[in-house]
């Protein structure tokens, strides 16, 4: 069963661990309890399946920022879907992605 998705127009700053230096700016197009869909307007690097991300979402209506970790599960053009990863699972997934 898939989690219910909610459309959004928030801005996210994305850092790709170990692949790209600097942060990318993306539109957070939709979000669910398990993941999100992001779309870049342009970028030198587009995150690809398996990439581990640190995502900072700026919630303008609440005047807050929220940081989450995620792993890219699919991509198409400048858009990509990512599954949220618990902080305690982040290192394990990063090691699996890099070593195998």
PDB file of N, CA and C in Angstrom:
ATOM      1  N   UNK A   1       0.838  -1.170   0.000  1.00  0.00           N
ATOM      2  CA  UNK A   1       0.000   0.000   0.000  1.00  0.00           C
ATOM      3  C   UNK A   1       0.891   1.245   0.000  1.00  0.00           C
ATOM      4  N   UNK A   2       0.592   2.196  -0.846  1.00  0.00           N
ATOM      5  CA  UNK A   2       1.395   3.412  -0.911  1.00  0.00           C
ATOM      6  C   UNK A   2       0.814   4.477   0.004  1.00  0.00           C
ATOM      7  N   UNK A   3       1.699   5.308   0.512  1.00  0.00           N
ATOM      8  CA  UNK A   3       1.286   6.393   1.411  1.00  0.00           C
ATOM      9  C   UNK A   3       0.608   7.501   0.604  1.00  0.00           C
ATOM     10  N   UNK A   4      -0.333   8.179   1.197  1.00  0.00           N
ATOM     11  CA  UNK A   4      -1.031   9.282   0.533  1.00  0.00           C
ATOM     12  C   UNK A   4      -0.056  10.420   0.287  1.00  0.00           C
ATOM     13  N   UNK A   5      -0.097  10.959  -0.933  1.00  0.00           N
ATOM     14  CA  UNK A   5       0.789  12.052  -1.317  1.00  0.00           C
ATOM     15  C   UNK A   5       0.052  13.377  -1.234  1.00  0.00           C
ATOM     16  N   UNK A   6       0.816  14.411  -0.870  1.00  0.00           N
ATOM     17  CA  UNK A   6       0.264  15.759  -0.770  1.00  0.00           C
ATOM     18  C   UNK A   6       1.067  16.688  -1.665  1.00  0.00           C
ATOM     19  N   UNK A   7       0.383  17.415  -2.538  1.00  0.00           N
ATOM     20  CA  UNK A   7       1.041  18.383  -3.406  1.00  0.00           C
ATOM     21  C   UNK A   7       1.558  19.547  -2.579  1.00  0.00           C
ATOM     22  N   UNK A   8       2.693  20.082  -2.992  1.00  0.00           N
ATOM     23  CA  UNK A   8       3.290  21.219  -2.294  1.00  0.00           C
ATOM     24  C   UNK A   8       4.098  22.047  -3.283  1.00  0.00           C
ATOM     25  N   UNK A   9       4.435  23.239  -2.890  1.00  0.00           N
ATOM     26  CA  UNK A   9       5.254  24.124  -3.719  1.00  0.00           C
ATOM     27  C   UNK A   9       6.427  24.681  -2.919  1.00  0.00           C
ATOM     28  N   UNK A  10       6.837  23.956  -1.887  1.00  0.00           N
ATOM     29  CA  UNK A  10       7.947  24.406  -1.049  1.00  0.00           C
ATOM     30  C   UNK A  10       9.272  24.275  -1.797  1.00  0.00           C
ATOM     31  N   UNK A  11      10.259  25.009  -1.325  1.00  0.00           N
ATOM     32  CA  UNK A  11      11.609  24.962  -1.888  1.00  0.00           C
ATOM     33  C   UNK A  11      12.477  24.105  -0.969  1.00  0.00           C
ATOM     34  N   UNK A  12      13.322  23.283  -1.585  1.00  0.00           N
ATOM     35  CA  UNK A  12      14.233  22.427  -0.826  1.00  0.00           C
ATOM     36  C   UNK A  12      15.665  22.661  -1.288  1.00  0.00           C
ATOM     37  N   UNK A  13      16.578  22.655  -0.355  1.00  0.00           N
ATOM     38  CA  UNK A  13      18.005  22.689  -0.666  1.00  0.00           C
ATOM     39  C   UNK A  13      18.522  21.274  -0.443  1.00  0.00           C
ATOM     40  N   UNK A  14      19.197  20.738  -1.458  1.00  0.00           N
ATOM     41  CA  UNK A  14      19.592  19.329  -1.436  1.00  0.00           C
ATOM     42  C   UNK A  14      21.103  19.204  -1.561  1.00  0.00           C
ATOM     43  N   UNK A  15      21.659  18.408  -0.653  1.00  0.00           N
ATOM     44  CA  UNK A  15      23.073  18.061  -0.709  1.00  0.00           C
ATOM     45  C   UNK A  15      23.152  16.564  -0.989  1.00  0.00           C
ATOM     46  N   UNK A  16      23.966  16.177  -1.974  1.00  0.00           N
ATOM     47  CA  UNK A  16      24.162  14.763  -2.299  1.00  0.00           C
ATOM     48  C   UNK A  16      25.459  14.329  -1.622  1.00  0.00           C
ATOM     49  N   UNK A  17      25.340  13.404  -0.686  1.00  0.00           N
ATOM     50  CA  UNK A  17      26.525  12.943   0.033  1.00  0.00           C
ATOM     51  C   UNK A  17      27.512  12.258  -0.903  1.00  0.00           C
ATOM     52  N   UNK A  18      28.757  12.750  -0.918  1.00  0.00           N
ATOM     53  CA  UNK A  18      29.839  12.088  -1.646  1.00  0.00           C
ATOM     54  C   UNK A  18      29.833  12.215  -3.154  1.00  0.00           C
ATOM     55  N   UNK A  19      28.903  12.917  -3.755  1.00  0.00           N
ATOM     56  CA  UNK A  19      28.844  12.982  -5.218  1.00  0.00           C
ATOM     57  C   UNK A  19      28.963  14.394  -5.782  1.00  0.00           C
ATOM     58  N   UNK A  20      28.387  15.349  -5.137  1.00  0.00           N
ATOM     59  CA  UNK A  20      28.299  16.699  -5.687  1.00  0.00           C
ATOM     60  C   UNK A  20      28.637  17.692  -4.589  1.00  0.00           C
ATOM     61  N   UNK A  21      29.488  18.636  -4.912  1.00  0.00           N
ATOM     62  CA  UNK A  21      29.855  19.652  -3.918  1.00  0.00           C
ATOM     63  C   UNK A  21      28.880  20.816  -4.019  1.00  0.00           C
ATOM     64  N   UNK A  22      28.396  21.258  -2.895  1.00  0.00           N
ATOM     65  CA  UNK A  22      27.441  22.351  -2.873  1.00  0.00           C
ATOM     66  C   UNK A  22      26.022  21.839  -2.775  1.00  0.00           C
ATOM     67  N   UNK A  23      25.099  22.777  -2.672  1.00  0.00           N
ATOM     68  CA  UNK A  23      23.685  22.423  -2.549  1.00  0.00           C
ATOM     69  C   UNK A  23      22.928  22.827  -3.798  1.00  0.00           C
ATOM     70  N   UNK A  24      21.947  22.024  -4.136  1.00  0.00           N
ATOM     71  CA  UNK A  24      21.068  22.307  -5.265  1.00  0.00           C
ATOM     72  C   UNK A  24      19.743  22.828  -4.728  1.00  0.00           C
ATOM     73  N   UNK A  25      19.090  23.646  -5.515  1.00  0.00           N
ATOM     74  CA  UNK A  25      17.768  24.134  -5.143  1.00  0.00           C
ATOM     75  C   UNK A  25      16.753  23.393  -5.999  1.00  0.00           C
ATOM     76  N   UNK A  26      15.736  22.835  -5.346  1.00  0.00           N
ATOM     77  CA  UNK A  26      14.711  22.065  -6.051  1.00  0.00           C
ATOM     78  C   UNK A  26      13.328  22.461  -5.547  1.00  0.00           C
ATOM     79  N   UNK A  27      12.336  22.200  -6.379  1.00  0.00           N
ATOM     80  CA  UNK A  27      10.943  22.350  -5.946  1.00  0.00           C
ATOM     81  C   UNK A  27      10.514  21.022  -5.353  1.00  0.00           C
ATOM     82  N   UNK A  28       9.923  21.080  -4.183  1.00  0.00           N
ATOM     83  CA  UNK A  28       9.329  19.900  -3.568  1.00  0.00           C
ATOM     84  C   UNK A  28       7.913  19.824  -4.113  1.00  0.00           C
ATOM     85  N   UNK A  29       7.688  18.914  -5.068  1.00  0.00           N
ATOM     86  CA  UNK A  29       6.413  18.860  -5.781  1.00  0.00           C
ATOM     87  C   UNK A  29       5.327  18.115  -5.012  1.00  0.00           C
ATOM     88  N   UNK A  30       5.704  17.000  -4.374  1.00  0.00           N
ATOM     89  CA  UNK A  30       4.750  16.303  -3.511  1.00  0.00           C
ATOM     90  C   UNK A  30       5.497  15.540  -2.433  1.00  0.00           C
ATOM     91  N   UNK A  31       4.760  15.219  -1.369  1.00  0.00           N
ATOM     92  CA  UNK A  31       5.380  14.580  -0.221  1.00  0.00           C
ATOM     93  C   UNK A  31       4.392  13.596   0.406  1.00  0.00           C
ATOM     94  N   UNK A  32       4.932  12.536   0.998  1.00  0.00           N
ATOM     95  CA  UNK A  32       4.122  11.571   1.747  1.00  0.00           C
ATOM     96  C   UNK A  32       4.885  11.232   3.012  1.00  0.00           C
ATOM     97  N   UNK A  33       4.358  10.341   3.797  1.00  0.00           N
ATOM     98  CA  UNK A  33       5.057   9.944   5.016  1.00  0.00           C
ATOM     99  C   UNK A  33       6.319   9.141   4.712  1.00  0.00           C
ATOM    100  N   UNK A  34       6.415   8.569   3.515  1.00  0.00           N
ATOM    101  CA  UNK A  34       7.559   7.726   3.185  1.00  0.00           C
ATOM    102  C   UNK A  34       8.568   8.359   2.232  1.00  0.00           C
ATOM    103  N   UNK A  35       8.203   9.441   1.550  1.00  0.00           N
ATOM    104  CA  UNK A  35       9.135  10.018   0.593  1.00  0.00           C
ATOM    105  C   UNK A  35       8.600  11.271  -0.069  1.00  0.00           C
ATOM    106  N   UNK A  36       9.314  11.700  -1.123  1.00  0.00           N
ATOM    107  CA  UNK A  36       8.946  12.947  -1.787  1.00  0.00           C
ATOM    108  C   UNK A  36       9.418  12.935  -3.236  1.00  0.00           C
ATOM    109  N   UNK A  37       8.826  13.823  -4.036  1.00  0.00           N
ATOM    110  CA  UNK A  37       9.240  14.030  -5.420  1.00  0.00           C
ATOM    111  C   UNK A  37       9.794  15.441  -5.540  1.00  0.00           C
ATOM    112  N   UNK A  38      10.994  15.547  -6.103  1.00  0.00           N
ATOM    113  CA  UNK A  38      11.675  16.822  -6.273  1.00  0.00           C
ATOM    114  C   UNK A  38      11.892  17.093  -7.760  1.00  0.00           C
ATOM    115  N   UNK A  39      11.938  18.374  -8.105  1.00  0.00           N
ATOM    116  CA  UNK A  39      12.215  18.750  -9.483  1.00  0.00           C
ATOM    117  C   UNK A  39      13.186  19.926  -9.495  1.00  0.00           C
ATOM    118  N   UNK A  40      14.283  19.750 -10.223  1.00  0.00           N
ATOM    119  CA  UNK A  40      15.281  20.798 -10.382  1.00  0.00           C
ATOM    120  C   UNK A  40      14.925  21.642 -11.597  1.00  0.00           C
ATOM    121  N   UNK A  41      15.209  22.930 -11.557  1.00  0.00           N
ATOM    122  CA  UNK A  41      14.991  23.752 -12.747  1.00  0.00           C
ATOM    123  C   UNK A  41      16.210  23.659 -13.654  1.00  0.00           C
ATOM    124  N   UNK A  42      17.378  23.487 -13.044  1.00  0.00           N
ATOM    125  CA  UNK A  42      18.615  23.261 -13.777  1.00  0.00           C
ATOM    126  C   UNK A  42      19.654  22.755 -12.794  1.00  0.00           C
ATOM    127  N   UNK A  43      20.658  22.053 -13.294  1.00  0.00           N
ATOM    128  CA  UNK A  43      21.698  21.567 -12.401  1.00  0.00           C
ATOM    129  C   UNK A  43      22.810  20.923 -13.209  1.00  0.00           C
ATOM    130  N   UNK A  44      24.018  21.041 -12.682  1.00  0.00           N
ATOM    131  CA  UNK A  44      25.146  20.335 -13.281  1.00  0.00           C
ATOM    132  C   UNK A  44      25.018  18.838 -13.009  1.00  0.00           C
ATOM    133  N   UNK A  45      24.427  18.515 -11.876  1.00  0.00           N
ATOM    134  CA  UNK A  45      24.291  17.131 -11.453  1.00  0.00           C
ATOM    135  C   UNK A  45      22.850  16.865 -11.040  1.00  0.00           C
ATOM    136  N   UNK A  46      22.286  15.799 -11.559  1.00  0.00           N
ATOM    137  CA  UNK A  46      20.944  15.380 -11.165  1.00  0.00           C
ATOM    138  C   UNK A  46      21.105  14.115 -10.325  1.00  0.00           C
ATOM    139  N   UNK A  47      20.603  14.131  -9.097  1.00  0.00           N
ATOM    140  CA  UNK A  47      20.720  12.931  -8.267  1.00  0.00           C
ATOM    141  C   UNK A  47      20.164  11.701  -8.978  1.00  0.00           C
ATOM    142  N   UNK A  48      20.840  10.579  -8.796  1.00  0.00           N
ATOM    143  CA  UNK A  48      20.433   9.343  -9.463  1.00  0.00           C
ATOM    144  C   UNK A  48      20.148   8.251  -8.441  1.00  0.00           C
ATOM    145  N   UNK A  49      19.531   7.198  -8.903  1.00  0.00           N
ATOM    146  CA  UNK A  49      19.122   6.100  -8.035  1.00  0.00           C
ATOM    147  C   UNK A  49      20.285   5.652  -7.150  1.00  0.00           C
ATOM    148  N   UNK A  50      20.006   5.567  -5.844  1.00  0.00           N
ATOM    149  CA  UNK A  50      21.005   5.144  -4.876  1.00  0.00           C
ATOM    150  C   UNK A  50      21.686   6.284  -4.151  1.00  0.00           C
ATOM    151  N   UNK A  51      21.668   7.487  -4.716  1.00  0.00           N
ATOM    152  CA  UNK A  51      22.304   8.628  -4.055  1.00  0.00           C
ATOM    153  C   UNK A  51      21.641   8.906  -2.709  1.00  0.00           C
ATOM    154  N   UNK A  52      22.460   9.246  -1.727  1.00  0.00           N
ATOM    155  CA  UNK A  52      21.977   9.609  -0.398  1.00  0.00           C
ATOM    156  C   UNK A  52      21.948  11.128  -0.298  1.00  0.00           C
ATOM    157  N   UNK A  53      20.861  11.654   0.254  1.00  0.00           N
ATOM    158  CA  UNK A  53      20.630  13.095   0.272  1.00  0.00           C
ATOM    159  C   UNK A  53      20.420  13.626   1.684  1.00  0.00           C
ATOM    160  N   UNK A  54      20.813  14.875   1.861  1.00  0.00           N
ATOM    161  CA  UNK A  54      20.418  15.656   3.023  1.00  0.00           C
ATOM    162  C   UNK A  54      19.550  16.773   2.459  1.00  0.00           C
ATOM    163  N   UNK A  55      18.290  16.790   2.861  1.00  0.00           N
ATOM    164  CA  UNK A  55      17.316  17.724   2.298  1.00  0.00           C
ATOM    165  C   UNK A  55      16.867  18.699   3.384  1.00  0.00           C
ATOM    166  N   UNK A  56      16.995  19.980   3.081  1.00  0.00           N
ATOM    167  CA  UNK A  56      16.497  21.019   3.974  1.00  0.00           C
ATOM    168  C   UNK A  56      15.301  21.672   3.296  1.00  0.00           C
ATOM    169  N   UNK A  57      14.144  21.542   3.916  1.00  0.00           N
ATOM    170  CA  UNK A  57      12.912  22.126   3.374  1.00  0.00           C
ATOM    171  C   UNK A  57      12.585  23.365   4.180  1.00  0.00           C
ATOM    172  N   UNK A  58      12.423  24.471   3.477  1.00  0.00           N
ATOM    173  CA  UNK A  58      12.092  25.733   4.130  1.00  0.00           C
ATOM    174  C   UNK A  58      10.579  25.916   4.086  1.00  0.00           C
ATOM    175  N   UNK A  59       9.949  25.822   5.231  1.00  0.00           N
ATOM    176  CA  UNK A  59       8.498  25.946   5.343  1.00  0.00           C
ATOM    177  C   UNK A  59       8.163  27.412   5.587  1.00  0.00           C
ATOM    178  N   UNK A  60       7.944  28.140   4.510  1.00  0.00           N
ATOM    179  CA  UNK A  60       7.749  29.585   4.613  1.00  0.00           C
ATOM    180  C   UNK A  60       6.534  29.955   5.450  1.00  0.00           C
ATOM    181  N   UNK A  61       5.462  29.201   5.346  1.00  0.00           N
ATOM    182  CA  UNK A  61       4.247  29.531   6.093  1.00  0.00           C
ATOM    183  C   UNK A  61       4.447  29.378   7.607  1.00  0.00           C
ATOM    184  N   UNK A  62       5.352  28.485   8.018  1.00  0.00           N
ATOM    185  CA  UNK A  62       5.630  28.270   9.438  1.00  0.00           C
ATOM    186  C   UNK A  62       6.896  28.989   9.907  1.00  0.00           C
ATOM    187  N   UNK A  63       7.608  29.569   8.953  1.00  0.00           N
ATOM    188  CA  UNK A  63       8.889  30.232   9.237  1.00  0.00           C
ATOM    189  C   UNK A  63       9.849  29.279   9.955  1.00  0.00           C
ATOM    190  N   UNK A  64       9.937  28.062   9.417  1.00  0.00           N
ATOM    191  CA  UNK A  64      10.809  27.029   9.969  1.00  0.00           C
ATOM    192  C   UNK A  64      11.478  26.268   8.844  1.00  0.00           C
ATOM    193  N   UNK A  65      12.542  25.586   9.178  1.00  0.00           N
ATOM    194  CA  UNK A  65      13.207  24.682   8.247  1.00  0.00           C
ATOM    195  C   UNK A  65      13.191  23.289   8.855  1.00  0.00           C
ATOM    196  N   UNK A  66      13.150  22.298   8.002  1.00  0.00           N
ATOM    197  CA  UNK A  66      13.136  20.906   8.461  1.00  0.00           C
ATOM    198  C   UNK A  66      14.176  20.139   7.646  1.00  0.00           C
ATOM    199  N   UNK A  67      15.044  19.397   8.315  1.00  0.00           N
ATOM    200  CA  UNK A  67      16.087  18.622   7.653  1.00  0.00           C
ATOM    201  C   UNK A  67      15.730  17.144   7.713  1.00  0.00           C
ATOM    202  N   UNK A  68      15.782  16.478   6.561  1.00  0.00           N
ATOM    203  CA  UNK A  68      15.539  15.039   6.480  1.00  0.00           C
ATOM    204  C   UNK A  68      16.616  14.399   5.618  1.00  0.00           C
ATOM    205  N   UNK A  69      16.784  13.104   5.793  1.00  0.00           N
ATOM    206  CA  UNK A  69      17.713  12.338   4.965  1.00  0.00           C
ATOM    207  C   UNK A  69      16.874  11.438   4.069  1.00  0.00           C
ATOM    208  N   UNK A  70      17.376  11.201   2.858  1.00  0.00           N
ATOM    209  CA  UNK A  70      16.612  10.404   1.906  1.00  0.00           C
ATOM    210  C   UNK A  70      17.552   9.690   0.942  1.00  0.00           C
ATOM    211  N   UNK A  71      17.011   8.685   0.265  1.00  0.00           N
ATOM    212  CA  UNK A  71      17.748   7.966  -0.768  1.00  0.00           C
ATOM    213  C   UNK A  71      16.931   8.018  -2.050  1.00  0.00           C
ATOM    214  N   UNK A  72      17.584   8.371  -3.144  1.00  0.00           N
ATOM    215  CA  UNK A  72      16.904   8.455  -4.437  1.00  0.00           C
ATOM    216  C   UNK A  72      16.522   7.047  -4.888  1.00  0.00           C
ATOM    217  N   UNK A  73      15.259   6.866  -5.274  1.00  0.00           N
ATOM    218  CA  UNK A  73      14.781   5.555  -5.708  1.00  0.00           C
ATOM    219  C   UNK A  73      14.439   5.528  -7.194  1.00  0.00           C
ATOM    220  N   UNK A  74      14.264   6.681  -7.806  1.00  0.00           N
ATOM    221  CA  UNK A  74      14.043   6.736  -9.249  1.00  0.00           C
ATOM    222  C   UNK A  74      14.273   8.171  -9.738  1.00  0.00           C
ATOM    223  N   UNK A  75      14.512   8.304 -11.031  1.00  0.00           N
ATOM    224  CA  UNK A  75      14.700   9.625 -11.608  1.00  0.00           C
ATOM    225  C   UNK A  75      14.290   9.647 -13.069  1.00  0.00           C
ATOM    226  N   UNK A  76      13.880  10.839 -13.514  1.00  0.00           N
ATOM    227  CA  UNK A  76      13.508  11.027 -14.918  1.00  0.00           C
ATOM    228  C   UNK A  76      13.738  12.500 -15.245  1.00  0.00           C
ATOM    229  N   UNK A  77      14.625  12.779 -16.176  1.00  0.00           N
ATOM    230  CA  UNK A  77      14.939  14.158 -16.520  1.00  0.00           C
ATOM    231  C   UNK A  77      15.501  14.892 -15.314  1.00  0.00           C
ATOM    232  N   UNK A  78      14.917  16.025 -14.992  1.00  0.00           N
ATOM    233  CA  UNK A  78      15.351  16.805 -13.833  1.00  0.00           C
ATOM    234  C   UNK A  78      14.547  16.491 -12.573  1.00  0.00           C
ATOM    235  N   UNK A  79      13.686  15.476 -12.627  1.00  0.00           N
ATOM    236  CA  UNK A  79      12.875  15.092 -11.483  1.00  0.00           C
ATOM    237  C   UNK A  79      13.360  13.778 -10.886  1.00  0.00           C
ATOM    238  N   UNK A  80      13.148  13.605  -9.582  1.00  0.00           N
ATOM    239  CA  UNK A  80      13.530  12.353  -8.939  1.00  0.00           C
ATOM    240  C   UNK A  80      12.707  12.125  -7.683  1.00  0.00           C
ATOM    241  N   UNK A  81      12.469  10.854  -7.402  1.00  0.00           N
ATOM    242  CA  UNK A  81      11.744  10.454  -6.205  1.00  0.00           C
ATOM    243  C   UNK A  81      12.720   9.932  -5.169  1.00  0.00           C
ATOM    244  N   UNK A  82      12.478  10.271  -3.908  1.00  0.00           N
ATOM    245  CA  UNK A  82      13.374   9.843  -2.844  1.00  0.00           C
ATOM    246  C   UNK A  82      12.574   9.288  -1.673  1.00  0.00           C
ATOM    247  N   UNK A  83      13.127   8.250  -1.063  1.00  0.00           N
ATOM    248  CA  UNK A  83      12.531   7.619   0.114  1.00  0.00           C
ATOM    249  C   UNK A  83      13.228   8.161   1.351  1.00  0.00           C
ATOM    250  N   UNK A  84      12.457   8.580   2.344  1.00  0.00           N
ATOM    251  CA  UNK A  84      13.044   9.086   3.576  1.00  0.00           C
ATOM    252  C   UNK A  84      13.787   7.975   4.303  1.00  0.00           C
ATOM    253  N   UNK A  85      14.892   8.350   4.954  1.00  0.00           N
ATOM    254  CA  UNK A  85      15.737   7.407   5.676  1.00  0.00           C
ATOM    255  C   UNK A  85      15.921   7.926   7.098  1.00  0.00           C
ATOM    256  N   UNK A  86      15.704   7.061   8.068  1.00  0.00           N
ATOM    257  CA  UNK A  86      15.922   7.437   9.470  1.00  0.00           C
ATOM    258  C   UNK A  86      17.401   7.730   9.693  1.00  0.00           C
ATOM    259  N   UNK A  87      17.680   8.685  10.552  1.00  0.00           N
ATOM    260  CA  UNK A  87      19.053   9.111  10.794  1.00  0.00           C
ATOM    261  C   UNK A  87      19.943   7.941  11.213  1.00  0.00           C
ATOM    262  N   UNK A  88      19.425   7.027  12.042  1.00  0.00           N
ATOM    263  CA  UNK A  88      20.234   5.894  12.496  1.00  0.00           C
ATOM    264  C   UNK A  88      20.489   4.861  11.394  1.00  0.00           C
ATOM    265  N   UNK A  89      19.763   4.933  10.303  1.00  0.00           N
ATOM    266  CA  UNK A  89      19.945   4.012   9.177  1.00  0.00           C
ATOM    267  C   UNK A  89      20.809   4.625   8.070  1.00  0.00           C
ATOM    268  N   UNK A  90      21.053   5.913   8.158  1.00  0.00           N
ATOM    269  CA  UNK A  90      21.776   6.641   7.119  1.00  0.00           C
ATOM    270  C   UNK A  90      23.165   6.065   6.851  1.00  0.00           C
ATOM    271  N   UNK A  91      23.965   5.876   7.873  1.00  0.00           N
ATOM    272  CA  UNK A  91      25.334   5.378   7.695  1.00  0.00           C
ATOM    273  C   UNK A  91      25.333   3.984   7.088  1.00  0.00           C
ATOM    274  N   UNK A  92      24.444   3.121   7.558  1.00  0.00           N
ATOM    275  CA  UNK A  92      24.362   1.761   7.018  1.00  0.00           C
ATOM    276  C   UNK A  92      24.081   1.793   5.525  1.00  0.00           C
ATOM    277  N   UNK A  93      23.109   2.590   5.110  1.00  0.00           N
ATOM    278  CA  UNK A  93      22.772   2.681   3.678  1.00  0.00           C
ATOM    279  C   UNK A  93      23.907   3.297   2.874  1.00  0.00           C
ATOM    280  N   UNK A  94      24.579   4.284   3.441  1.00  0.00           N
ATOM    281  CA  UNK A  94      25.696   4.904   2.722  1.00  0.00           C
ATOM    282  C   UNK A  94      26.806   3.884   2.492  1.00  0.00           C
ATOM    283  N   UNK A  95      27.106   3.073   3.487  1.00  0.00           N
ATOM    284  CA  UNK A  95      28.126   2.050   3.337  1.00  0.00           C
ATOM    285  C   UNK A  95      27.708   0.998   2.307  1.00  0.00           C
ATOM    286  N   UNK A  96      26.467   0.567   2.317  1.00  0.00           N
ATOM    287  CA  UNK A  96      25.988  -0.405   1.346  1.00  0.00           C
ATOM    288  C   UNK A  96      26.069   0.143  -0.068  1.00  0.00           C
ATOM    289  N   UNK A  97      25.718   1.399  -0.234  1.00  0.00           N
ATOM    290  CA  UNK A  97      25.721   2.026  -1.565  1.00  0.00           C
ATOM    291  C   UNK A  97      27.130   2.166  -2.095  1.00  0.00           C
ATOM    292  N   UNK A  98      28.080   2.493  -1.267  1.00  0.00           N
ATOM    293  CA  UNK A  98      29.452   2.752  -1.717  1.00  0.00           C
ATOM    294  C   UNK A  98      30.302   1.502  -1.842  1.00  0.00           C
ATOM    295  N   UNK A  99      30.009   0.457  -1.046  1.00  0.00           N
ATOM    296  CA  UNK A  99      30.874  -0.703  -1.020  1.00  0.00           C
ATOM    297  C   UNK A  99      30.424  -1.841  -1.931  1.00  0.00           C
ATOM    298  N   UNK A 100      29.191  -1.849  -2.351  1.00  0.00           N
ATOM    299  CA  UNK A 100      28.706  -2.977  -3.160  1.00  0.00           C
ATOM    300  C   UNK A 100      28.305  -2.549  -4.533  1.00  0.00           C
TER     301      UNK A 100
END
